[in-house]
N, C-alpha and C. Protein backbone atom coordinates (compact mmCIF):
# COMPACT_ATOMS: atom_id res chain seq x y z
N MET A 1 297.85 -31.92 142.66
CA MET A 1 297.22 -30.75 142.00
C MET A 1 296.10 -30.30 142.77
N LYS A 2 296.02 -28.94 143.26
CA LYS A 2 295.09 -28.42 143.72
C LYS A 2 294.06 -27.58 143.06
N PHE A 3 292.98 -27.57 143.13
CA PHE A 3 291.84 -26.69 142.59
C PHE A 3 291.40 -25.39 143.45
N ARG A 4 291.11 -24.45 142.94
CA ARG A 4 290.49 -23.39 143.84
C ARG A 4 289.59 -22.75 142.72
N ASP A 5 288.37 -22.25 143.32
CA ASP A 5 287.39 -21.59 142.64
C ASP A 5 287.57 -20.15 143.55
N PHE A 6 287.14 -18.78 142.80
CA PHE A 6 286.60 -17.81 143.29
C PHE A 6 285.44 -17.04 142.53
N LYS A 7 284.84 -16.35 142.91
CA LYS A 7 283.57 -15.80 142.37
C LYS A 7 283.94 -14.40 141.97
N ALA A 8 283.56 -14.20 140.54
CA ALA A 8 283.92 -12.82 140.03
C ALA A 8 282.87 -12.78 138.81
N ARG A 9 282.32 -11.84 138.50
CA ARG A 9 281.68 -11.57 137.69
C ARG A 9 281.93 -10.90 136.60
N ASP A 10 282.91 -9.99 136.71
CA ASP A 10 283.46 -9.13 135.64
C ASP A 10 285.24 -9.14 135.79
N VAL A 11 285.71 -8.75 134.83
CA VAL A 11 287.28 -8.45 134.57
C VAL A 11 287.88 -7.68 135.86
N GLY A 12 287.27 -6.60 136.22
CA GLY A 12 288.14 -6.08 137.24
C GLY A 12 287.91 -6.74 138.59
N THR A 13 286.84 -7.47 138.86
CA THR A 13 286.96 -8.11 140.08
C THR A 13 287.90 -9.33 140.14
N ALA A 14 287.72 -10.22 138.75
CA ALA A 14 288.80 -11.15 138.74
C ALA A 14 289.94 -10.78 139.08
N ARG A 15 290.27 -9.50 138.50
CA ARG A 15 291.78 -8.75 138.38
C ARG A 15 292.56 -8.80 139.89
N GLU A 16 291.47 -8.29 140.63
CA GLU A 16 291.80 -7.62 142.12
C GLU A 16 291.84 -9.26 142.93
N LYS A 17 291.30 -10.05 142.34
CA LYS A 17 291.34 -11.54 143.11
C LYS A 17 292.60 -11.78 142.96
N ILE A 18 293.08 -12.03 141.70
CA ILE A 18 294.01 -12.43 141.21
C ILE A 18 295.37 -12.04 142.00
N LEU A 19 295.42 -10.49 142.14
CA LEU A 19 296.41 -9.68 142.28
C LEU A 19 296.40 -10.18 144.09
N ASN A 20 295.50 -10.00 144.63
CA ASN A 20 295.16 -10.76 146.23
C ASN A 20 295.81 -11.94 146.23
N LEU A 21 295.71 -13.04 145.41
CA LEU A 21 296.16 -14.27 145.45
C LEU A 21 297.55 -14.20 145.34
N ILE A 22 298.29 -13.58 144.31
CA ILE A 22 299.74 -13.20 143.93
C ILE A 22 300.45 -12.93 145.14
N GLN A 23 299.85 -11.90 145.89
CA GLN A 23 300.50 -11.08 147.21
C GLN A 23 300.50 -12.22 148.02
N ARG A 24 299.28 -13.03 148.43
CA ARG A 24 299.52 -14.39 149.37
C ARG A 24 300.68 -15.17 148.78
N ASN A 25 300.61 -15.53 147.55
CA ASN A 25 301.20 -17.04 147.16
C ASN A 25 302.90 -16.58 147.36
N ILE A 26 303.12 -15.20 146.95
CA ILE A 26 304.72 -14.64 147.45
C ILE A 26 304.87 -15.02 148.76
N LYS A 27 304.28 -14.34 149.63
CA LYS A 27 304.53 -14.46 150.97
C LYS A 27 304.62 -16.15 151.38
N ASN A 28 304.07 -17.06 150.67
CA ASN A 28 303.93 -18.44 151.01
C ASN A 28 304.70 -19.40 150.29
N ASN A 29 305.41 -18.67 149.42
CA ASN A 29 306.24 -19.38 148.37
C ASN A 29 305.51 -20.58 147.59
N ILE A 30 304.31 -20.37 147.18
CA ILE A 30 303.60 -21.30 146.64
C ILE A 30 303.92 -21.62 144.99
N THR A 31 304.43 -22.60 144.39
CA THR A 31 305.32 -23.00 143.41
C THR A 31 304.31 -22.41 142.39
N VAL A 32 303.50 -22.97 141.76
CA VAL A 32 303.08 -22.62 140.35
C VAL A 32 301.34 -22.61 140.56
N VAL A 33 300.77 -21.66 139.80
CA VAL A 33 299.13 -21.37 139.82
C VAL A 33 299.06 -21.36 138.30
N TYR A 34 297.78 -21.97 137.82
CA TYR A 34 297.24 -21.56 136.58
C TYR A 34 296.06 -20.91 136.68
N PHE A 35 295.60 -19.76 136.11
CA PHE A 35 294.66 -19.28 136.03
C PHE A 35 293.66 -19.55 134.97
N ASP A 36 292.45 -20.24 135.00
CA ASP A 36 291.82 -20.80 133.68
C ASP A 36 290.79 -19.84 133.31
N GLY A 37 290.30 -18.97 134.01
CA GLY A 37 289.32 -18.23 133.83
C GLY A 37 287.88 -18.97 134.13
N TRP A 38 287.14 -18.23 133.19
CA TRP A 38 285.43 -18.83 133.34
C TRP A 38 285.66 -20.29 132.49
N HIS A 39 285.93 -21.27 133.39
CA HIS A 39 286.36 -22.26 132.44
C HIS A 39 286.98 -22.41 130.98
N GLY A 40 288.06 -21.76 131.04
CA GLY A 40 288.67 -21.25 130.12
C GLY A 40 288.25 -20.15 129.14
N PHE A 41 287.09 -19.28 129.32
CA PHE A 41 286.94 -18.15 128.88
C PHE A 41 287.20 -17.21 129.80
N GLY A 42 288.05 -15.82 129.00
CA GLY A 42 288.30 -14.68 129.55
C GLY A 42 289.61 -14.68 130.38
N ARG A 43 290.32 -15.41 130.22
CA ARG A 43 291.39 -15.50 131.00
C ARG A 43 292.83 -14.37 130.32
N THR A 44 292.56 -14.57 128.94
CA THR A 44 293.31 -13.53 128.56
C THR A 44 293.19 -12.07 128.48
N THR A 45 291.96 -11.81 128.59
CA THR A 45 291.18 -10.37 128.88
C THR A 45 291.57 -9.85 130.17
N VAL A 46 291.47 -10.73 131.34
CA VAL A 46 291.86 -10.42 132.65
C VAL A 46 293.42 -10.55 132.72
N LEU A 47 294.09 -11.43 132.16
CA LEU A 47 295.59 -11.01 132.39
C LEU A 47 296.18 -9.86 131.65
N ARG A 48 295.71 -9.51 130.36
CA ARG A 48 296.02 -8.31 129.86
C ARG A 48 295.61 -7.00 130.78
N SER A 49 294.31 -7.21 131.43
CA SER A 49 293.66 -6.16 132.54
C SER A 49 294.96 -5.99 133.45
N ILE A 50 295.37 -7.20 133.93
CA ILE A 50 296.69 -6.84 135.23
C ILE A 50 298.00 -6.34 134.49
N ALA A 51 298.28 -6.56 133.23
CA ALA A 51 299.36 -6.17 132.79
C ALA A 51 299.23 -4.40 132.35
N GLU A 52 297.94 -4.37 132.43
CA GLU A 52 297.79 -2.49 131.95
C GLU A 52 297.76 -1.94 133.00
N VAL A 53 297.10 -2.40 134.13
CA VAL A 53 296.79 -1.60 135.37
C VAL A 53 297.83 -1.65 136.53
N LEU A 54 298.56 -2.71 136.68
CA LEU A 54 299.62 -2.86 137.83
C LEU A 54 300.37 -1.76 137.94
N PRO A 55 301.29 -1.33 136.66
CA PRO A 55 302.08 -0.39 136.82
C PRO A 55 301.70 0.84 137.15
N SER A 56 300.38 1.33 136.94
CA SER A 56 299.87 2.52 137.41
C SER A 56 299.30 2.78 138.72
N MET A 57 298.79 1.45 139.44
CA MET A 57 298.31 1.62 140.68
C MET A 57 299.21 1.89 141.88
N LYS A 58 298.35 2.63 142.54
CA LYS A 58 299.25 3.46 143.61
C LYS A 58 299.15 2.66 144.81
N ALA A 59 300.07 3.01 145.98
CA ALA A 59 300.07 2.38 147.41
C ALA A 59 299.91 0.90 147.19
N LEU A 60 300.71 0.28 146.39
CA LEU A 60 300.58 -1.05 146.42
C LEU A 60 301.56 -1.85 147.30
N PRO A 61 301.10 -2.67 147.86
CA PRO A 61 302.06 -3.69 148.94
C PRO A 61 303.10 -4.18 148.48
N PRO A 62 304.49 -4.29 149.03
CA PRO A 62 305.61 -4.48 148.63
C PRO A 62 305.54 -5.69 147.93
N GLU A 63 304.81 -6.53 147.99
CA GLU A 63 304.55 -7.96 147.22
C GLU A 63 304.38 -7.65 145.86
N LEU A 64 303.47 -6.38 145.81
CA LEU A 64 303.33 -6.34 144.21
C LEU A 64 303.84 -5.16 143.66
N CYS A 65 305.16 -4.95 144.17
CA CYS A 65 305.93 -3.56 143.61
C CYS A 65 307.26 -4.21 142.48
N PHE A 66 306.85 -3.99 141.27
CA PHE A 66 307.85 -4.74 140.64
C PHE A 66 308.56 -3.76 139.48
N ASP A 67 309.88 -3.75 139.38
CA ASP A 67 310.53 -3.19 138.37
C ASP A 67 309.97 -2.95 137.04
N ARG A 68 309.78 -4.26 136.83
CA ARG A 68 309.07 -4.43 135.26
C ARG A 68 307.91 -5.24 135.48
N VAL A 69 306.99 -4.95 134.45
CA VAL A 69 305.76 -5.58 134.20
C VAL A 69 305.68 -6.08 132.87
N ILE A 70 305.81 -7.65 132.58
CA ILE A 70 306.42 -8.21 131.14
C ILE A 70 305.10 -8.76 130.40
N LEU A 71 304.49 -8.19 129.52
CA LEU A 71 303.28 -9.05 128.90
C LEU A 71 304.11 -9.83 127.64
N ILE A 72 303.87 -11.14 127.60
CA ILE A 72 304.31 -11.79 126.37
C ILE A 72 303.17 -12.66 125.97
N ASP A 73 302.93 -12.22 124.66
CA ASP A 73 301.42 -12.87 124.13
C ASP A 73 302.10 -14.03 122.94
N CYS A 74 301.83 -15.02 123.46
CA CYS A 74 302.11 -16.33 122.55
C CYS A 74 300.96 -16.96 122.51
N SER A 75 299.62 -16.20 122.36
CA SER A 75 298.41 -17.08 122.44
C SER A 75 298.09 -17.51 121.17
N ARG A 76 298.74 -17.10 120.05
CA ARG A 76 298.73 -17.84 118.70
C ARG A 76 300.22 -18.36 118.50
N TRP A 77 300.47 -19.75 119.07
CA TRP A 77 301.61 -20.36 119.07
C TRP A 77 302.38 -20.44 117.96
N GLU A 78 303.87 -20.12 117.61
CA GLU A 78 304.39 -20.23 116.69
C GLU A 78 305.67 -21.14 116.79
N SER A 79 306.51 -20.77 117.94
CA SER A 79 307.71 -21.73 118.14
C SER A 79 308.28 -21.02 119.66
N LYS A 80 309.04 -22.00 119.80
CA LYS A 80 310.20 -21.44 121.16
C LYS A 80 310.54 -20.21 120.78
N ARG A 81 311.28 -20.33 119.34
CA ARG A 81 312.02 -19.42 118.80
C ARG A 81 311.57 -18.06 119.06
N ALA A 82 310.41 -18.20 118.17
CA ALA A 82 309.51 -16.99 118.17
C ALA A 82 309.04 -16.30 119.72
N MET A 83 308.94 -17.44 120.67
CA MET A 83 308.59 -16.84 122.18
C MET A 83 309.41 -15.95 122.25
N GLN A 84 310.99 -16.82 122.59
CA GLN A 84 312.03 -16.13 123.04
C GLN A 84 312.43 -14.96 122.38
N ARG A 85 312.11 -14.66 121.00
CA ARG A 85 312.14 -13.33 120.43
C ARG A 85 311.33 -12.06 120.89
N LYS A 86 309.95 -12.71 121.33
CA LYS A 86 309.10 -11.44 122.18
C LYS A 86 309.62 -11.29 123.03
N ILE A 87 310.20 -11.94 123.98
CA ILE A 87 310.68 -11.57 125.47
C ILE A 87 312.06 -10.69 125.45
N ALA A 88 312.68 -11.35 124.20
CA ALA A 88 313.90 -10.34 123.87
C ALA A 88 313.61 -8.73 123.44
N GLU A 89 312.62 -8.75 122.36
CA GLU A 89 311.89 -7.52 122.06
C GLU A 89 311.54 -6.50 123.42
N ASP A 90 310.58 -7.19 124.12
CA ASP A 90 309.98 -6.76 125.13
C ASP A 90 311.09 -5.85 126.07
N LEU A 91 312.29 -6.68 126.00
CA LEU A 91 313.30 -6.52 127.29
C LEU A 91 314.26 -5.28 126.48
N LYS A 92 313.92 -5.15 125.17
CA LYS A 92 314.82 -4.37 124.47
C LYS A 92 316.30 -4.47 124.66
N LEU A 93 316.37 -5.80 123.99
CA LEU A 93 318.05 -6.12 124.29
C LEU A 93 318.81 -5.67 123.09
N ASP A 94 319.88 -5.50 123.40
CA ASP A 94 320.75 -4.82 122.28
C ASP A 94 320.95 -5.39 120.96
N ASN A 95 321.30 -4.53 119.91
CA ASN A 95 321.10 -5.37 118.63
C ASN A 95 321.99 -6.50 118.04
N LYS A 96 323.36 -6.57 118.81
CA LYS A 96 324.05 -7.58 118.53
C LYS A 96 323.07 -9.25 118.91
N THR A 97 322.66 -8.83 120.05
CA THR A 97 321.98 -9.97 120.60
C THR A 97 320.75 -10.28 119.60
N MET A 98 320.02 -9.22 119.21
CA MET A 98 319.10 -9.17 118.32
C MET A 98 319.26 -10.09 116.87
N ALA A 99 320.42 -9.90 116.85
CA ALA A 99 320.99 -10.43 115.32
C ALA A 99 321.12 -12.11 115.39
N MET A 100 321.34 -12.27 116.64
CA MET A 100 321.68 -13.94 117.15
C MET A 100 319.95 -14.38 116.23
N PHE A 101 319.13 -13.97 116.27
CA PHE A 101 317.75 -14.41 115.94
C PHE A 101 318.00 -14.86 114.48
N ASP A 102 318.29 -13.56 113.79
CA ASP A 102 318.24 -13.76 112.45
C ASP A 102 319.29 -14.73 111.74
N THR A 103 320.68 -14.50 112.36
CA THR A 103 321.49 -15.68 111.85
C THR A 103 321.01 -17.05 112.09
N GLN A 104 320.66 -17.40 113.16
CA GLN A 104 320.39 -18.78 113.61
C GLN A 104 319.00 -19.02 112.66
N ASP A 105 318.07 -18.18 112.23
CA ASP A 105 317.04 -18.50 111.44
C ASP A 105 317.50 -18.79 110.02
N GLU A 106 318.28 -17.72 109.60
CA GLU A 106 319.09 -18.48 108.39
C GLU A 106 319.76 -19.35 108.27
N GLU A 107 320.31 -20.02 109.16
CA GLU A 107 320.89 -21.23 109.29
C GLU A 107 320.03 -22.49 109.25
N ASP A 108 318.88 -22.19 109.82
CA ASP A 108 317.64 -23.30 109.92
C ASP A 108 317.00 -23.22 108.53
N ASP A 109 316.73 -22.21 108.10
CA ASP A 109 316.08 -22.18 106.69
C ASP A 109 317.33 -23.27 105.70
N PHE A 110 318.58 -22.77 105.85
CA PHE A 110 319.34 -23.10 105.14
C PHE A 110 319.41 -25.33 105.14
N ASN A 111 319.11 -25.33 106.32
CA ASN A 111 319.03 -26.75 106.84
C ASN A 111 317.58 -27.34 106.48
N GLY A 112 316.75 -26.62 106.30
CA GLY A 112 315.38 -27.09 106.11
C GLY A 112 314.70 -27.32 107.55
N VAL A 113 315.07 -26.63 108.45
CA VAL A 113 314.35 -26.79 109.83
C VAL A 113 313.27 -26.15 109.97
N ASP A 114 311.94 -26.95 110.36
CA ASP A 114 310.67 -26.63 110.20
C ASP A 114 310.37 -25.40 111.25
N PRO A 115 309.79 -24.11 110.86
CA PRO A 115 309.72 -23.01 111.53
C PRO A 115 309.14 -23.19 113.10
N CYS A 116 308.01 -24.10 112.85
CA CYS A 116 307.49 -24.38 114.06
C CYS A 116 307.79 -25.08 115.10
N SER A 117 309.35 -25.89 114.59
CA SER A 117 310.17 -26.74 115.84
C SER A 117 311.45 -26.17 116.13
N ARG A 118 311.23 -24.83 115.81
CA ARG A 118 312.89 -24.10 116.00
C ARG A 118 312.79 -23.61 117.88
N ASP A 119 314.02 -24.06 118.04
CA ASP A 119 314.08 -24.01 119.83
C ASP A 119 314.73 -22.69 120.19
N ALA A 120 314.78 -22.19 121.38
CA ALA A 120 315.18 -21.28 121.83
C ALA A 120 316.80 -21.30 121.45
N ILE A 121 317.64 -19.99 121.72
CA ILE A 121 318.84 -19.75 121.43
C ILE A 121 319.71 -19.79 123.00
N THR A 122 320.45 -20.65 123.10
CA THR A 122 321.15 -20.44 124.45
C THR A 122 321.96 -19.43 124.82
N ASN A 123 322.59 -18.64 123.82
CA ASN A 123 323.30 -17.36 124.17
C ASN A 123 322.41 -16.07 124.06
N VAL A 124 321.07 -16.25 123.76
CA VAL A 124 320.44 -15.21 124.06
C VAL A 124 319.68 -15.37 125.41
N ALA A 125 319.23 -16.67 125.58
CA ALA A 125 318.63 -16.92 127.03
C ALA A 125 319.82 -16.27 128.09
N ALA A 126 321.46 -16.73 127.88
CA ALA A 126 322.23 -15.95 128.60
C ALA A 126 321.90 -14.61 129.05
N VAL A 127 321.61 -13.93 128.03
CA VAL A 127 321.55 -12.38 128.10
C VAL A 127 320.15 -12.06 128.58
N ILE A 128 319.06 -12.55 128.39
CA ILE A 128 317.76 -12.56 128.86
C ILE A 128 318.09 -12.74 130.65
N ASN A 129 318.52 -13.87 130.83
CA ASN A 129 318.95 -14.08 132.27
C ASN A 129 319.79 -13.18 132.91
N ARG A 130 320.51 -12.58 132.54
CA ARG A 130 321.52 -11.49 132.84
C ARG A 130 320.64 -10.48 133.13
N THR A 131 319.93 -10.09 132.06
CA THR A 131 318.89 -8.71 132.40
C THR A 131 317.93 -8.99 133.28
N LEU A 132 317.45 -9.72 133.37
CA LEU A 132 316.16 -10.11 134.60
C LEU A 132 316.69 -10.25 135.92
N SER A 133 317.89 -10.79 135.62
CA SER A 133 318.64 -10.88 137.60
C SER A 133 318.81 -9.73 138.06
N GLN A 134 318.93 -8.54 137.11
CA GLN A 134 319.06 -7.37 137.87
C GLN A 134 317.77 -6.44 138.38
N SER A 135 316.67 -7.12 138.05
CA SER A 135 315.50 -6.26 138.40
C SER A 135 314.49 -7.37 139.03
N ARG A 136 313.44 -6.74 139.70
CA ARG A 136 312.22 -7.69 140.48
C ARG A 136 311.08 -7.51 139.10
N PHE A 137 310.70 -8.57 139.10
CA PHE A 137 309.66 -8.74 137.60
C PHE A 137 308.68 -9.24 137.79
N ILE A 138 307.27 -9.05 137.19
CA ILE A 138 306.44 -10.00 136.88
C ILE A 138 306.10 -10.07 135.32
N MET A 139 306.24 -11.51 135.23
CA MET A 139 305.92 -11.68 133.54
C MET A 139 304.61 -12.70 133.53
N ILE A 140 303.62 -11.92 132.64
CA ILE A 140 302.50 -12.44 132.22
C ILE A 140 302.50 -12.92 130.86
N PHE A 141 302.29 -14.34 131.02
CA PHE A 141 302.90 -15.09 129.80
C PHE A 141 301.40 -15.61 128.96
N LEU A 142 300.74 -15.51 127.88
CA LEU A 142 299.78 -15.92 127.46
C LEU A 142 300.23 -16.94 126.51
N ASN A 143 299.79 -18.42 127.19
CA ASN A 143 300.57 -19.50 126.39
C ASN A 143 299.50 -20.12 125.30
N GLY A 144 299.55 -20.03 124.28
CA GLY A 144 298.89 -20.52 123.06
C GLY A 144 299.27 -22.04 122.73
N SER A 145 300.40 -22.46 123.59
CA SER A 145 300.76 -24.00 123.37
C SER A 145 299.85 -24.88 123.96
N ASP A 146 299.75 -26.09 123.69
CA ASP A 146 298.90 -27.28 124.31
C ASP A 146 299.71 -27.89 125.77
N ASP A 147 301.40 -27.36 125.60
CA ASP A 147 302.12 -27.84 126.53
C ASP A 147 302.70 -27.04 127.71
N GLU A 148 302.97 -27.25 128.59
CA GLU A 148 303.69 -26.31 129.73
C GLU A 148 304.86 -25.64 129.22
N ILE A 149 305.42 -24.70 129.06
CA ILE A 149 306.59 -24.27 128.49
C ILE A 149 307.33 -24.03 129.70
N PRO A 150 308.86 -24.85 129.69
CA PRO A 150 309.62 -24.39 130.54
C PRO A 150 310.46 -23.24 130.11
N LEU A 151 309.95 -22.52 131.36
CA LEU A 151 310.67 -20.81 130.94
C LEU A 151 312.12 -20.66 130.95
N THR A 152 312.93 -21.77 131.87
CA THR A 152 314.61 -21.70 131.96
C THR A 152 315.24 -21.69 131.05
N ARG A 153 314.54 -22.44 129.52
CA ARG A 153 315.45 -22.67 128.48
C ARG A 153 315.32 -20.81 127.55
N PHE A 154 314.45 -20.38 127.90
CA PHE A 154 314.33 -19.00 127.32
C PHE A 154 315.27 -17.79 128.09
N GLY A 155 315.30 -18.05 129.19
CA GLY A 155 316.54 -17.38 130.37
C GLY A 155 316.06 -16.96 131.47
N ILE A 156 314.62 -17.43 131.51
CA ILE A 156 314.05 -17.04 132.91
C ILE A 156 314.24 -18.13 133.93
N ALA A 157 315.28 -17.75 134.78
CA ALA A 157 315.49 -18.58 135.85
C ALA A 157 314.56 -18.97 136.89
N ASP A 158 314.33 -20.14 137.19
CA ASP A 158 313.63 -20.31 138.74
C ASP A 158 313.72 -20.01 140.02
N TYR A 159 315.06 -19.53 139.99
CA TYR A 159 315.61 -19.03 141.02
C TYR A 159 316.27 -17.80 141.03
N HIS A 160 316.19 -16.68 141.55
CA HIS A 160 316.85 -15.52 141.49
C HIS A 160 316.61 -14.89 143.17
N GLU A 161 317.55 -14.41 143.54
CA GLU A 161 317.57 -13.67 145.02
C GLU A 161 316.44 -12.57 144.74
N ASN A 162 316.48 -11.67 143.65
CA ASN A 162 315.56 -10.62 143.77
C ASN A 162 314.54 -10.96 142.73
N VAL A 163 313.92 -12.15 142.91
CA VAL A 163 313.13 -12.57 141.84
C VAL A 163 311.57 -13.11 142.71
N CYS A 164 310.70 -13.08 142.24
CA CYS A 164 309.37 -13.47 142.53
C CYS A 164 308.68 -14.20 141.30
N GLU A 165 308.20 -15.12 141.35
CA GLU A 165 307.54 -15.65 140.02
C GLU A 165 306.16 -15.85 140.19
N ALA A 166 305.10 -15.28 139.38
CA ALA A 166 303.84 -15.38 139.03
C ALA A 166 303.60 -15.41 137.54
N PRO A 167 302.99 -16.61 137.26
CA PRO A 167 302.72 -16.98 135.79
C PRO A 167 301.46 -16.55 135.42
N MET A 168 300.68 -16.32 133.56
CA MET A 168 299.04 -16.01 133.19
C MET A 168 298.32 -16.62 134.25
N ASP A 169 299.37 -17.89 134.59
CA ASP A 169 298.54 -18.50 135.40
C ASP A 169 299.59 -19.16 136.79
N LEU A 170 300.90 -18.83 136.33
CA LEU A 170 301.95 -19.57 137.11
C LEU A 170 302.60 -18.44 138.38
N PHE A 171 302.38 -19.06 139.43
CA PHE A 171 303.23 -18.64 140.53
C PHE A 171 304.52 -19.30 140.72
N GLY A 172 305.58 -18.69 140.63
CA GLY A 172 306.55 -19.56 140.90
C GLY A 172 307.34 -19.58 142.09
N LYS A 173 307.78 -20.50 142.45
CA LYS A 173 308.91 -20.30 143.95
C LYS A 173 309.88 -18.83 143.76
N SER A 174 310.06 -18.30 144.99
CA SER A 174 310.94 -17.47 145.29
C SER A 174 311.74 -17.67 146.28
N MET A 175 312.88 -16.76 146.29
CA MET A 175 313.77 -17.02 147.49
C MET A 175 313.95 -15.67 148.23
N LEU A 176 313.78 -14.75 147.87
CA LEU A 176 313.74 -13.57 148.69
C LEU A 176 312.62 -12.82 147.95
N PRO A 177 313.16 -11.55 147.81
CA PRO A 177 311.96 -10.58 146.97
C PRO A 177 312.04 -11.23 145.58
N THR A 178 310.73 -11.66 144.98
CA THR A 178 310.89 -12.43 144.12
C THR A 178 310.61 -11.81 142.51
N ILE A 179 310.75 -13.06 141.43
CA ILE A 179 310.53 -12.36 140.17
C ILE A 179 309.16 -12.65 139.84
N GLY A 180 308.34 -11.94 139.17
CA GLY A 180 306.91 -12.48 138.98
C GLY A 180 307.08 -12.85 137.42
N ARG A 181 306.62 -13.92 137.19
CA ARG A 181 305.91 -14.44 136.10
C ARG A 181 304.53 -15.12 136.05
N MET A 182 303.67 -14.70 135.63
CA MET A 182 302.27 -14.99 135.19
C MET A 182 302.07 -15.53 133.95
N MET A 183 301.84 -17.03 134.11
CA MET A 183 301.72 -17.56 132.51
C MET A 183 300.70 -18.41 132.36
N GLY A 184 300.15 -18.19 130.89
CA GLY A 184 299.05 -18.75 130.40
C GLY A 184 298.62 -20.41 130.84
N SER A 185 297.38 -20.58 130.74
CA SER A 185 297.20 -22.08 131.53
C SER A 185 297.50 -23.22 130.58
N SER A 186 297.83 -24.23 130.99
CA SER A 186 298.26 -25.25 130.22
C SER A 186 297.43 -26.57 130.18
N LYS A 187 297.33 -27.44 129.27
CA LYS A 187 296.86 -28.63 129.44
C LYS A 187 297.13 -29.49 130.23
N ARG A 188 298.67 -29.41 130.19
CA ARG A 188 299.26 -30.25 130.81
C ARG A 188 299.79 -30.21 132.22
N LEU A 189 299.55 -30.37 133.07
CA LEU A 189 299.85 -29.96 134.48
C LEU A 189 300.45 -30.94 135.53
N GLU A 190 301.73 -30.34 135.96
CA GLU A 190 302.58 -31.44 136.65
C GLU A 190 302.01 -31.24 138.33
N HIS A 191 302.17 -32.32 138.91
CA HIS A 191 301.79 -32.48 140.28
C HIS A 191 302.64 -31.47 141.27
N GLY A 192 301.40 -31.30 141.95
CA GLY A 192 301.67 -30.12 143.06
C GLY A 192 301.52 -28.69 142.59
N ARG A 193 300.66 -28.42 141.47
CA ARG A 193 300.47 -27.19 141.10
C ARG A 193 299.09 -26.98 141.26
N SER A 194 298.36 -25.80 141.18
CA SER A 194 297.16 -25.45 141.46
C SER A 194 296.81 -24.67 140.25
N VAL A 195 295.27 -25.00 140.14
CA VAL A 195 294.37 -24.62 139.05
C VAL A 195 293.24 -23.65 139.71
N ILE A 196 293.25 -22.23 139.09
CA ILE A 196 292.15 -21.33 139.68
C ILE A 196 291.33 -21.17 138.57
N HIS A 197 290.00 -21.28 138.88
CA HIS A 197 288.88 -20.79 137.88
C HIS A 197 287.97 -19.89 138.47
N CYS A 198 287.37 -19.16 137.84
CA CYS A 198 286.40 -17.88 138.08
C CYS A 198 285.12 -18.74 138.07
N ILE A 199 284.20 -18.28 138.89
CA ILE A 199 282.96 -18.92 139.15
C ILE A 199 281.94 -17.60 138.99
N GLN A 200 281.00 -17.13 138.02
CA GLN A 200 279.92 -16.16 137.72
C GLN A 200 279.37 -15.99 138.72
N LYS A 201 279.06 -14.95 139.51
CA LYS A 201 278.30 -15.06 140.74
C LYS A 201 276.71 -14.75 140.24
């Protein structure tokens, strides 16, 4: 696991340095990067700023041009099911797909399944995967869980020909133009991934 620091005194500077880092990582196919803010502080504000500013930026380099900029806020962690529902809502999936959540929740209520332990729904994951495979996107994921979240179970594949991954702190591998997924930092990090900290000037 590699650690990297950069100096930033405010949100705007941190945002620009992260965008530059995303651009370089996409070119170099770096697997995953976690952004940890100023020793854990400020990361949500910085990442929200990226989600707000990126769509309106002009004259972007090709690496930072995305069809979709998706912000998924799970900073208050509920369950994998709740996270998948937020992704589905952001993608504006059809009513039939959204109804799967209510149907499965009713079944889990009947069976006494704890709301916090409810998993993602496989059929919904398939719809999410089909939807995202048709576009180049960056996902900014604010992860309130103590664990690293495997996005594949929600329908976000690790590899798409038109996908570049970049997480709140993750930059995923890409094969051609890539999907972006930016993810929140995790307390449990796998080998071979990078952690970025901001240092106040």
